[in-house]
């Protein structure tokens, strides 16, 4: 699963144009890293394309950090 975490971190970093190693996994993506709603949509579209996971809209509202994204992605992948 660490490989998935790394891939997610790299994907998010690419979308928000921040080096992956500079993303604190507990930082609020929206408040601390400047992600707006359009970048948020792009992040989740990228993850859907990369991992074939669809995150329901009601879950998207609760995702604030990289660790939140990783947790939901792992949950979806493990549910297959």
N, C-alpha and C. Protein backbone atom coordinates (compact mmCIF):
# COMPACT_ATOMS: atom_id res chain seq x y z
N UNK A 1 0.81 -1.21 0.00
CA UNK A 1 0.00 0.00 0.00
C UNK A 1 0.85 1.27 0.00
N UNK A 2 2.10 1.16 0.45
CA UNK A 2 2.94 2.36 0.45
C UNK A 2 3.13 2.90 -0.95
N UNK A 3 3.16 2.02 -1.94
CA UNK A 3 3.31 2.44 -3.32
C UNK A 3 2.12 3.30 -3.73
N UNK A 4 0.93 2.92 -3.29
CA UNK A 4 -0.27 3.70 -3.60
C UNK A 4 -0.17 5.07 -2.95
N UNK A 5 0.27 5.11 -1.71
CA UNK A 5 0.44 6.39 -1.02
C UNK A 5 1.40 7.29 -1.79
N UNK A 6 2.49 6.72 -2.23
CA UNK A 6 3.49 7.49 -2.99
C UNK A 6 2.88 8.00 -4.30
N UNK A 7 2.16 7.13 -5.00
CA UNK A 7 1.55 7.52 -6.26
C UNK A 7 0.52 8.63 -6.07
N UNK A 8 -0.27 8.52 -5.02
CA UNK A 8 -1.27 9.56 -4.74
C UNK A 8 -0.58 10.88 -4.41
N UNK A 9 0.43 10.81 -3.58
CA UNK A 9 1.18 12.03 -3.21
C UNK A 9 1.76 12.69 -4.45
N UNK A 10 2.36 11.89 -5.34
CA UNK A 10 2.94 12.42 -6.57
C UNK A 10 1.87 13.03 -7.47
N UNK A 11 0.72 12.37 -7.56
CA UNK A 11 -0.37 12.87 -8.41
C UNK A 11 -0.90 14.20 -7.89
N UNK A 12 -1.11 14.28 -6.58
CA UNK A 12 -1.60 15.52 -5.98
C UNK A 12 -0.57 16.63 -6.18
N UNK A 13 0.69 16.32 -5.96
CA UNK A 13 1.76 17.30 -6.12
C UNK A 13 1.80 17.85 -7.54
N UNK A 14 1.62 16.96 -8.51
CA UNK A 14 1.64 17.39 -9.91
C UNK A 14 0.48 18.34 -10.21
N UNK A 15 -0.70 18.02 -9.68
CA UNK A 15 -1.87 18.87 -9.93
C UNK A 15 -1.71 20.24 -9.28
N UNK A 16 -1.22 20.27 -8.04
CA UNK A 16 -1.14 21.56 -7.34
C UNK A 16 0.21 22.26 -7.53
N UNK A 17 1.09 21.60 -8.31
CA UNK A 17 2.39 22.19 -8.67
C UNK A 17 3.25 22.54 -7.44
N UNK A 18 3.33 21.55 -6.54
CA UNK A 18 4.15 21.65 -5.34
C UNK A 18 4.98 20.37 -5.28
N UNK A 19 6.28 20.47 -4.95
CA UNK A 19 7.06 19.24 -4.83
C UNK A 19 6.43 18.29 -3.81
N UNK A 20 6.35 17.02 -4.16
CA UNK A 20 5.68 16.02 -3.31
C UNK A 20 6.23 16.02 -1.89
N UNK A 21 7.54 16.16 -1.76
CA UNK A 21 8.15 16.11 -0.43
C UNK A 21 7.79 17.32 0.43
N UNK A 22 7.25 18.35 -0.17
CA UNK A 22 6.87 19.55 0.59
C UNK A 22 5.41 19.50 1.06
N UNK A 23 4.67 18.47 0.67
CA UNK A 23 3.27 18.37 1.08
C UNK A 23 3.19 17.65 2.42
N UNK A 24 2.78 18.38 3.44
CA UNK A 24 2.53 17.77 4.74
C UNK A 24 1.24 16.97 4.61
N UNK A 25 1.29 15.66 4.88
CA UNK A 25 0.10 14.83 4.69
C UNK A 25 -1.08 15.23 5.56
N UNK A 26 -0.83 16.02 6.61
CA UNK A 26 -1.90 16.46 7.50
C UNK A 26 -2.32 17.91 7.25
N UNK A 27 -1.67 18.57 6.29
CA UNK A 27 -2.01 19.97 6.00
C UNK A 27 -3.34 20.04 5.28
N UNK A 28 -4.12 21.05 5.59
CA UNK A 28 -5.39 21.27 4.91
C UNK A 28 -5.08 21.72 3.48
N UNK A 29 -5.47 20.91 2.52
CA UNK A 29 -5.16 21.21 1.13
C UNK A 29 -5.75 22.54 0.69
N UNK A 30 -6.91 22.88 1.20
CA UNK A 30 -7.61 24.08 0.76
C UNK A 30 -7.12 25.32 1.49
N UNK A 31 -6.95 25.22 2.78
CA UNK A 31 -6.54 26.40 3.56
C UNK A 31 -5.03 26.63 3.56
N UNK A 32 -4.26 25.55 3.62
CA UNK A 32 -2.81 25.70 3.75
C UNK A 32 -2.05 25.58 2.43
N UNK A 33 -2.60 24.83 1.48
CA UNK A 33 -1.86 24.60 0.23
C UNK A 33 -2.49 25.28 -0.97
N UNK A 34 -3.54 26.05 -0.74
CA UNK A 34 -4.11 26.87 -1.80
C UNK A 34 -4.93 26.13 -2.85
N UNK A 35 -5.37 24.94 -2.54
CA UNK A 35 -6.22 24.21 -3.49
C UNK A 35 -7.60 24.86 -3.50
N UNK A 36 -8.08 25.19 -4.71
CA UNK A 36 -9.44 25.72 -4.83
C UNK A 36 -10.34 24.60 -5.35
N UNK A 37 -11.60 24.91 -5.56
CA UNK A 37 -12.55 23.88 -5.97
C UNK A 37 -12.18 23.26 -7.33
N UNK A 38 -11.65 24.06 -8.24
CA UNK A 38 -11.26 23.52 -9.55
C UNK A 38 -10.08 22.55 -9.44
N UNK A 39 -9.10 22.91 -8.63
CA UNK A 39 -7.98 22.00 -8.41
C UNK A 39 -8.44 20.75 -7.69
N UNK A 40 -9.39 20.90 -6.76
CA UNK A 40 -9.95 19.75 -6.06
C UNK A 40 -10.58 18.78 -7.03
N UNK A 41 -11.36 19.30 -7.97
CA UNK A 41 -11.99 18.45 -8.99
C UNK A 41 -10.91 17.78 -9.84
N UNK A 42 -9.88 18.51 -10.19
CA UNK A 42 -8.80 17.95 -10.99
C UNK A 42 -8.06 16.83 -10.24
N UNK A 43 -7.85 17.02 -8.94
CA UNK A 43 -7.20 15.99 -8.12
C UNK A 43 -8.03 14.71 -8.17
N UNK A 44 -9.33 14.82 -7.93
CA UNK A 44 -10.16 13.63 -7.88
C UNK A 44 -10.36 13.00 -9.25
N UNK A 45 -10.37 13.80 -10.30
CA UNK A 45 -10.44 13.26 -11.66
C UNK A 45 -9.17 12.48 -11.99
N UNK A 46 -8.04 13.01 -11.56
CA UNK A 46 -6.76 12.33 -11.77
C UNK A 46 -6.73 11.00 -11.04
N UNK A 47 -7.19 10.99 -9.79
CA UNK A 47 -7.20 9.75 -9.01
C UNK A 47 -8.17 8.74 -9.60
N UNK A 48 -9.31 9.22 -10.10
CA UNK A 48 -10.28 8.33 -10.73
C UNK A 48 -9.65 7.67 -11.97
N UNK A 49 -8.97 8.47 -12.75
CA UNK A 49 -8.32 7.96 -13.97
C UNK A 49 -7.19 6.99 -13.63
N UNK A 50 -6.41 7.34 -12.63
CA UNK A 50 -5.23 6.56 -12.27
C UNK A 50 -5.59 5.25 -11.56
N UNK A 51 -6.53 5.31 -10.63
CA UNK A 51 -6.84 4.15 -9.80
C UNK A 51 -8.23 3.57 -10.04
N UNK A 52 -9.00 4.20 -10.93
CA UNK A 52 -10.37 3.75 -11.24
C UNK A 52 -11.24 3.71 -9.98
N UNK A 53 -11.16 4.81 -9.22
CA UNK A 53 -11.99 4.92 -8.02
C UNK A 53 -12.89 6.14 -8.16
N UNK A 54 -14.13 5.95 -7.82
CA UNK A 54 -15.09 7.04 -7.85
C UNK A 54 -15.43 7.39 -6.42
N UNK A 55 -15.16 8.61 -6.03
CA UNK A 55 -15.44 9.04 -4.66
C UNK A 55 -16.76 9.81 -4.68
N UNK A 56 -17.75 9.33 -3.92
CA UNK A 56 -19.05 10.00 -3.90
C UNK A 56 -18.93 11.45 -3.44
N UNK A 57 -19.78 12.28 -3.99
CA UNK A 57 -19.74 13.71 -3.70
C UNK A 57 -19.84 14.01 -2.20
N UNK A 58 -20.67 13.25 -1.49
CA UNK A 58 -20.81 13.51 -0.05
C UNK A 58 -19.52 13.21 0.71
N UNK A 59 -18.66 12.34 0.17
CA UNK A 59 -17.36 12.07 0.80
C UNK A 59 -16.35 13.15 0.45
N UNK A 60 -16.47 13.72 -0.74
CA UNK A 60 -15.53 14.75 -1.18
C UNK A 60 -15.51 15.93 -0.23
N UNK A 61 -16.67 16.29 0.27
CA UNK A 61 -16.78 17.45 1.16
C UNK A 61 -15.99 17.26 2.45
N UNK A 62 -15.76 16.01 2.84
CA UNK A 62 -15.08 15.72 4.11
C UNK A 62 -13.57 15.55 3.95
N UNK A 63 -13.11 15.50 2.71
CA UNK A 63 -11.68 15.29 2.46
C UNK A 63 -10.97 16.63 2.49
N UNK A 64 -10.04 16.75 3.41
CA UNK A 64 -9.32 18.01 3.59
C UNK A 64 -7.81 17.89 3.43
N UNK A 65 -7.27 16.69 3.70
CA UNK A 65 -5.82 16.52 3.71
C UNK A 65 -5.39 15.40 2.76
N UNK A 66 -4.10 15.32 2.50
CA UNK A 66 -3.55 14.23 1.70
C UNK A 66 -3.86 12.90 2.38
N UNK A 67 -3.72 12.84 3.70
CA UNK A 67 -4.03 11.60 4.42
C UNK A 67 -5.49 11.20 4.25
N UNK A 68 -6.39 12.18 4.18
CA UNK A 68 -7.81 11.87 3.93
C UNK A 68 -7.97 11.23 2.55
N UNK A 69 -7.30 11.79 1.55
CA UNK A 69 -7.38 11.26 0.19
C UNK A 69 -6.85 9.83 0.16
N UNK A 70 -5.72 9.61 0.80
CA UNK A 70 -5.10 8.28 0.83
C UNK A 70 -6.03 7.28 1.50
N UNK A 71 -6.63 7.66 2.62
CA UNK A 71 -7.52 6.76 3.36
C UNK A 71 -8.73 6.36 2.51
N UNK A 72 -9.34 7.31 1.84
CA UNK A 72 -10.51 7.02 1.01
C UNK A 72 -10.11 6.15 -0.18
N UNK A 73 -8.98 6.47 -0.79
CA UNK A 73 -8.52 5.69 -1.94
C UNK A 73 -8.24 4.23 -1.53
N UNK A 74 -7.57 4.04 -0.41
CA UNK A 74 -7.29 2.68 0.07
C UNK A 74 -8.59 1.94 0.35
N UNK A 75 -9.54 2.63 0.97
CA UNK A 75 -10.84 2.02 1.29
C UNK A 75 -11.52 1.55 0.00
N UNK A 76 -11.53 2.40 -1.01
CA UNK A 76 -12.16 2.06 -2.29
C UNK A 76 -11.43 0.92 -3.00
N UNK A 77 -10.12 0.95 -2.96
CA UNK A 77 -9.32 -0.09 -3.62
C UNK A 77 -9.52 -1.43 -2.91
N UNK A 78 -9.53 -1.42 -1.59
CA UNK A 78 -9.71 -2.65 -0.81
C UNK A 78 -11.11 -3.22 -0.94
N UNK A 79 -12.08 -2.38 -1.28
CA UNK A 79 -13.47 -2.83 -1.39
C UNK A 79 -13.73 -3.59 -2.70
N UNK A 80 -12.77 -3.58 -3.58
CA UNK A 80 -12.95 -4.27 -4.87
C UNK A 80 -12.96 -5.76 -4.70
